[in-house]
C-alpha atoms as a PDB file:
ATOM      1  CA  MET A   1     -76.617  68.324 -40.327  1.00  0.00           C
ATOM      2  CA  LEU A   2     -75.430  65.077 -38.756  1.00  0.00           C
ATOM      3  CA  SER A   3     -71.783  66.064 -38.964  1.00  0.00           C
ATOM      4  CA  ILE A   4     -72.601  69.354 -37.260  1.00  0.00           C
ATOM      5  CA  ALA A   5     -74.545  67.543 -34.517  1.00  0.00           C
ATOM      6  CA  GLU A   6     -71.547  65.233 -33.962  1.00  0.00           C
ATOM      7  CA  ASN A   7     -69.074  68.158 -34.132  1.00  0.00           C
ATOM      8  CA  THR A   8     -67.124  66.441 -36.907  1.00  0.00           C
ATOM      9  CA  LEU A   9     -66.896  69.287 -39.374  1.00  0.00           C
ATOM     10  CA  TYR A  10     -64.104  68.195 -41.715  1.00  0.00           C
ATOM     11  CA  GLU A  11     -65.227  66.117 -44.684  1.00  0.00           C
ATOM     12  CA  THR A  12     -62.614  63.495 -45.531  1.00  0.00           C
ATOM     13  CA  GLU A  13     -64.489  61.621 -48.249  1.00  0.00           C
ATOM     14  CA  SER A  14     -67.676  62.080 -50.251  1.00  0.00           C
ATOM     15  CA  THR A  15     -69.324  59.838 -52.846  1.00  0.00           C
ATOM     16  CA  ASP A  16     -72.802  59.595 -54.319  1.00  0.00           C
ATOM     17  CA  TYR A  17     -73.610  57.059 -51.559  1.00  0.00           C
ATOM     18  CA  TYR A  18     -71.807  58.102 -48.391  1.00  0.00           C
ATOM     19  CA  GLN A  19     -69.775  60.781 -46.620  1.00  0.00           C
ATOM     20  CA  LEU A  20     -67.066  60.591 -43.964  1.00  0.00           C
ATOM     21  CA  TYR A  21     -66.264  63.412 -41.531  1.00  0.00           C
ATOM     22  CA  THR A  22     -63.731  63.927 -38.742  1.00  0.00           C
ATOM     23  CA  ASP A  23     -62.968  66.404 -35.986  1.00  0.00           C
ATOM     24  CA  ASN A  24     -59.192  65.980 -36.583  1.00  0.00           C
ATOM     25  CA  LYS A  25     -58.854  64.573 -33.048  1.00  0.00           C
ATOM     26  CA  GLY A  26     -59.914  61.009 -33.768  1.00  0.00           C
ATOM     27  CA  LYS A  27     -63.712  61.239 -33.737  1.00  0.00           C
ATOM     28  CA  CYS A  28     -65.486  60.386 -37.012  1.00  0.00           C
ATOM     29  CA  THR A  29     -68.989  60.455 -38.431  1.00  0.00           C
ATOM     30  CA  ALA A  30     -69.880  58.138 -41.314  1.00  0.00           C
ATOM     31  CA  ILE A  31     -73.164  58.609 -43.177  1.00  0.00           C
ATOM     32  CA  TYR A  32     -74.613  56.234 -45.771  1.00  0.00           C
ATOM     33  CA  PHE A  33     -77.487  58.227 -47.266  1.00  0.00           C
ATOM     34  CA  GLN A  34     -78.830  56.185 -50.188  1.00  0.00           C
ATOM     35  CA  GLU A  35     -81.714  53.732 -50.292  1.00  0.00           C
ATOM     36  CA  ASP A  36     -79.608  51.760 -52.790  1.00  0.00           C
ATOM     37  CA  TYR A  37     -77.180  49.620 -50.763  1.00  0.00           C
ATOM     38  CA  THR A  38     -74.945  48.515 -53.663  1.00  0.00           C
ATOM     39  CA  LYS A  39     -72.006  50.467 -52.200  1.00  0.00           C
ATOM     40  CA  PHE A  40     -72.670  49.446 -48.589  1.00  0.00           C
ATOM     41  CA  ASP A  41     -69.864  46.855 -48.433  1.00  0.00           C
ATOM     42  CA  GLU A  42     -67.373  49.481 -49.626  1.00  0.00           C
ATOM     43  CA  PHE A  43     -68.717  51.890 -47.001  1.00  0.00           C
ATOM     44  CA  ARG A  44     -68.513  49.241 -44.284  1.00  0.00           C
ATOM     45  CA  GLU A  45     -64.870  48.467 -45.081  1.00  0.00           C
ATOM     46  CA  LYS A  46     -63.948  52.165 -45.003  1.00  0.00           C
ATOM     47  CA  VAL A  47     -65.702  52.616 -41.653  1.00  0.00           C
ATOM     48  CA  ILE A  48     -64.010  49.561 -40.129  1.00  0.00           C
ATOM     49  CA  GLY A  49     -60.669  50.985 -41.238  1.00  0.00           C
ATOM     50  CA  LEU A  50     -61.218  54.231 -39.319  1.00  0.00           C
ATOM     51  CA  GLU A  51     -59.462  54.733 -36.015  1.00  0.00           C
ATOM     52  CA  GLY A  52     -60.960  56.435 -32.988  1.00  0.00           C
ATOM     53  CA  LYS A  53     -64.626  56.751 -32.088  1.00  0.00           C
ATOM     54  CA  VAL A  54     -66.929  56.422 -35.102  1.00  0.00           C
ATOM     55  CA  ASN A  55     -70.642  57.230 -35.170  1.00  0.00           C
ATOM     56  CA  VAL A  56     -72.377  55.617 -38.137  1.00  0.00           C
ATOM     57  CA  TYR A  57     -75.687  56.763 -39.623  1.00  0.00           C
ATOM     58  CA  ILE A  58     -77.325  54.619 -42.299  1.00  0.00           C
ATOM     59  CA  PHE A  59     -80.408  55.706 -44.197  1.00  0.00           C
ATOM     60  CA  SER A  60     -83.315  53.386 -43.542  1.00  0.00           C
ATOM     61  CA  TRP A  61     -87.071  53.853 -43.399  1.00  0.00           C
ATOM     62  CA  THR A  62     -86.907  51.919 -40.112  1.00  0.00           C
ATOM     63  CA  ASN A  63     -84.775  52.852 -37.102  1.00  0.00           C
ATOM     64  CA  GLY A  64     -81.593  51.469 -38.719  1.00  0.00           C
ATOM     65  CA  SER A  65     -81.082  48.730 -36.136  1.00  0.00           C
ATOM     66  CA  GLU A  66     -80.900  46.117 -38.891  1.00  0.00           C
ATOM     67  CA  PHE A  67     -77.376  47.389 -39.631  1.00  0.00           C
ATOM     68  CA  GLU A  68     -75.981  47.068 -36.094  1.00  0.00           C
ATOM     69  CA  SER A  69     -74.840  43.507 -36.758  1.00  0.00           C
ATOM     70  CA  GLU A  70     -72.590  44.790 -39.573  1.00  0.00           C
ATOM     71  CA  PHE A  71     -70.375  46.453 -36.950  1.00  0.00           C
ATOM     72  CA  GLU A  72     -71.044  44.340 -33.845  1.00  0.00           C
ATOM     73  CA  PHE A  73     -67.406  43.276 -33.347  1.00  0.00           C
ATOM     74  CA  GLU A  74     -66.032  46.802 -33.684  1.00  0.00           C
ATOM     75  CA  ASP A  75     -65.781  48.388 -30.228  1.00  0.00           C
ATOM     76  CA  ASN A  76     -65.086  51.879 -31.549  1.00  0.00           C
ATOM     77  CA  ILE A  77     -68.162  52.005 -33.827  1.00  0.00           C
ATOM     78  CA  SER A  78     -71.699  53.000 -32.796  1.00  0.00           C
ATOM     79  CA  VAL A  79     -74.624  52.708 -35.209  1.00  0.00           C
ATOM     80  CA  LYS A  80     -77.152  55.484 -34.651  1.00  0.00           C
ATOM     81  CA  SER A  81     -80.580  56.175 -36.089  1.00  0.00           C
ATOM     82  CA  ILE A  82     -81.052  59.124 -38.382  1.00  0.00           C
ATOM     83  CA  PRO A  83     -83.274  61.524 -36.391  1.00  0.00           C
ATOM     84  CA  GLN A  84     -86.948  61.433 -37.344  1.00  0.00           C
ATOM     85  CA  PRO A  85     -87.133  65.129 -38.376  1.00  0.00           C
ATOM     86  CA  ILE A  86     -84.462  64.494 -41.010  1.00  0.00           C
ATOM     87  CA  LEU A  87     -86.375  61.461 -42.298  1.00  0.00           C
ATOM     88  CA  ASP A  88     -89.571  63.529 -42.394  1.00  0.00           C
ATOM     89  CA  ILE A  89     -87.859  66.175 -44.540  1.00  0.00           C
ATOM     90  CA  TYR A  90     -86.507  63.456 -46.856  1.00  0.00           C
ATOM     91  CA  LYS A  91     -89.995  61.933 -47.193  1.00  0.00           C
ATOM     92  CA  SER A  92     -91.535  65.300 -48.034  1.00  0.00           C
ATOM     93  CA  LEU A  93     -88.950  65.864 -50.780  1.00  0.00           C
ATOM     94  CA  ASN A  94     -89.172  62.398 -52.329  1.00  0.00           C
ATOM     95  CA  ILE A  95     -92.804  61.359 -52.144  1.00  0.00           C
END
């Protein structure tokens, strides 16, 4: 749903922890969707290596702002919160 909202419809990489999408014009969406952050450093390095505008979504029960410092020196990267309706659906499926 996030890749559709960002209009980045082409999946370039998918793991059990994260997905990367592009619009083939330089815009990317990166989504880390696990509560387990053991692969976060790998994800971070991949995101930093992307060119163009990158919107990053990281699963968190909070608003995700605790991850902004991970990308603070990267001008092309914006960390965004996962919309509350998506979190509500996730909660209903996992609680």
